C-alpha atoms as a PDB file:
ATOM      1  CA  MET A   1    -135.941 -90.646-158.294  1.00  0.00           C
ATOM      2  CA  ALA A   2    -135.969 -87.235-157.517  1.00  0.00           C
ATOM      3  CA  ASN A   3    -135.183 -85.143-154.319  1.00  0.00           C
ATOM      4  CA  VAL A   4    -137.215 -82.064-153.423  1.00  0.00           C
ATOM      5  CA  ARG A   5    -136.560 -79.891-150.657  1.00  0.00           C
ATOM      6  CA  ALA A   6    -139.832 -78.609-149.492  1.00  0.00           C
ATOM      7  CA  LYS A   7    -141.543 -76.248-146.460  1.00  0.00           C
ATOM      8  CA  LEU A   8    -144.874 -78.061-145.590  1.00  0.00           C
ATOM      9  CA  VAL A   9    -147.021 -75.574-143.688  1.00  0.00           C
ATOM     10  CA  TYR A  10    -149.951 -77.035-141.700  1.00  0.00           C
ATOM     11  CA  PRO A  11    -153.158 -75.651-140.722  1.00  0.00           C
ATOM     12  CA  VAL A  12    -154.428 -76.326-137.400  1.00  0.00           C
ATOM     13  CA  SER A  13    -157.014 -79.016-138.810  1.00  0.00           C
ATOM     14  CA  GLN A  14    -154.054 -81.158-139.751  1.00  0.00           C
ATOM     15  CA  VAL A  15    -151.512 -80.804-137.168  1.00  0.00           C
ATOM     16  CA  LYS A  16    -152.331 -84.096-135.287  1.00  0.00           C
ATOM     17  CA  ARG A  17    -152.886 -85.981-138.587  1.00  0.00           C
ATOM     18  CA  PRO A  18    -150.125 -88.471-139.766  1.00  0.00           C
ATOM     19  CA  VAL A  19    -149.287 -86.665-142.817  1.00  0.00           C
ATOM     20  CA  ILE A  20    -145.732 -87.804-143.274  1.00  0.00           C
ATOM     21  CA  ALA A  21    -146.803 -91.406-142.709  1.00  0.00           C
ATOM     22  CA  ARG A  22    -149.366 -91.066-145.436  1.00  0.00           C
ATOM     23  CA  LEU A  23    -146.711 -89.663-147.894  1.00  0.00           C
ATOM     24  CA  ALA A  24    -144.643 -92.953-147.263  1.00  0.00           C
ATOM     25  CA  LEU A  25    -147.735 -95.449-147.644  1.00  0.00           C
ATOM     26  CA  ASP A  26    -150.026 -93.879-150.189  1.00  0.00           C
ATOM     27  CA  PHE A  27    -147.349 -92.238-152.239  1.00  0.00           C
ATOM     28  CA  ASN A  28    -144.084 -94.106-151.710  1.00  0.00           C
ATOM     29  CA  VAL A  29    -142.320 -90.579-150.896  1.00  0.00           C
ATOM     30  CA  LEU A  30    -139.939 -90.801-148.045  1.00  0.00           C
ATOM     31  CA  ALA A  31    -139.451 -87.634-146.142  1.00  0.00           C
ATOM     32  CA  ASP A  32    -136.256 -86.767-144.134  1.00  0.00           C
ATOM     33  CA  ILE A  33    -137.331 -84.153-141.767  1.00  0.00           C
ATOM     34  CA  ARG A  34    -134.802 -81.313-141.347  1.00  0.00           C
ATOM     35  CA  ARG A  35    -136.377 -78.777-139.074  1.00  0.00           C
ATOM     36  CA  ALA A  36    -140.116 -78.638-137.458  1.00  0.00           C
ATOM     37  CA  ASN A  37    -142.185 -76.614-135.124  1.00  0.00           C
ATOM     38  CA  VAL A  38    -145.583 -78.053-134.477  1.00  0.00           C
ATOM     39  CA  GLU A  39    -147.841 -76.709-131.657  1.00  0.00           C
ATOM     40  CA  ASP A  40    -151.201 -77.139-131.198  1.00  0.00           C
ATOM     41  CA  GLY A  41    -152.634 -74.714-133.538  1.00  0.00           C
ATOM     42  CA  ASN A  42    -149.966 -74.877-136.346  1.00  0.00           C
ATOM     43  CA  GLY A  43    -146.809 -76.242-137.793  1.00  0.00           C
ATOM     44  CA  TRP A  44    -143.986 -76.325-140.457  1.00  0.00           C
ATOM     45  CA  LEU A  45    -141.850 -78.676-141.491  1.00  0.00           C
ATOM     46  CA  ILE A  46    -138.577 -78.485-143.535  1.00  0.00           C
ATOM     47  CA  CYS A  47    -138.039 -82.001-145.319  1.00  0.00           C
ATOM     48  CA  GLU A  48    -136.278 -83.503-148.174  1.00  0.00           C
ATOM     49  CA  LEU A  49    -138.683 -85.294-150.249  1.00  0.00           C
ATOM     50  CA  GLU A  50    -137.362 -88.317-152.328  1.00  0.00           C
ATOM     51  CA  GLY A  51    -139.327 -90.474-155.017  1.00  0.00           C
ATOM     52  CA  THR A  52    -140.481 -90.717-158.661  1.00  0.00           C
ATOM     53  CA  SER A  53    -141.530 -87.237-160.097  1.00  0.00           C
ATOM     54  CA  GLU A  54    -144.731 -88.760-160.736  1.00  0.00           C
ATOM     55  CA  ASN A  55    -145.236 -89.730-156.860  1.00  0.00           C
ATOM     56  CA  LEU A  56    -143.784 -86.273-155.825  1.00  0.00           C
ATOM     57  CA  LYS A  57    -146.588 -84.797-157.723  1.00  0.00           C
ATOM     58  CA  GLY A  58    -149.316 -86.824-156.525  1.00  0.00           C
ATOM     59  CA  ALA A  59    -148.130 -86.253-153.127  1.00  0.00           C
ATOM     60  CA  PHE A  60    -147.940 -82.515-153.763  1.00  0.00           C
ATOM     61  CA  GLU A  61    -151.321 -82.467-155.026  1.00  0.00           C
ATOM     62  CA  TRP A  62    -152.820 -84.296-151.926  1.00  0.00           C
ATOM     63  CA  LEU A  63    -151.015 -82.007-149.560  1.00  0.00           C
ATOM     64  CA  SER A  64    -152.707 -78.991-150.862  1.00  0.00           C
ATOM     65  CA  GLU A  65    -156.263 -80.606-150.839  1.00  0.00           C
ATOM     66  CA  MET A  66    -155.657 -81.402-147.302  1.00  0.00           C
ATOM     67  CA  GLY A  67    -154.574 -77.614-147.144  1.00  0.00           C
ATOM     68  CA  ILE A  68    -150.905 -77.775-146.515  1.00  0.00           C
ATOM     69  CA  GLU A  69    -149.218 -75.444-148.122  1.00  0.00           C
ATOM     70  CA  VAL A  70    -145.878 -76.694-150.123  1.00  0.00           C
ATOM     71  CA  ASP A  71    -143.124 -74.204-150.598  1.00  0.00           C
ATOM     72  CA  THR A  72    -140.124 -76.111-152.679  1.00  0.00           C
ATOM     73  CA  LEU A  73    -136.865 -74.460-151.556  1.00  0.00           C
ATOM     74  CA  GLY A  74    -133.237 -74.137-152.806  1.00  0.00           C
ATOM     75  CA  ASP A  75    -130.299 -75.316-150.760  1.00  0.00           C
ATOM     76  CA  VAL A  76    -130.588 -72.493-148.129  1.00  0.00           C
ATOM     77  CA  VAL A  77    -132.876 -73.794-145.165  1.00  0.00           C
ATOM     78  CA  GLU A  78    -135.700 -71.312-143.927  1.00  0.00           C
ATOM     79  CA  SER A  79    -137.709 -70.996-141.129  1.00  0.00           C
END
């Protein structure tokens, strides 16, 4: 299993969609949310994602297709 800390930045079209649930159900990727700010017009999450390298790669590709920006982070939590 691999662990990745990432910041997900949501466009307005994705704020109300169950993105984290889809990661778990469709890609078998667990998300531990560390910080978040979600409003009507935009949102971001900092989370630790856990899954196989292949599942994480598929999840990142899907997130990108959905218009969600994925920035992998080091140990420092950013906002």
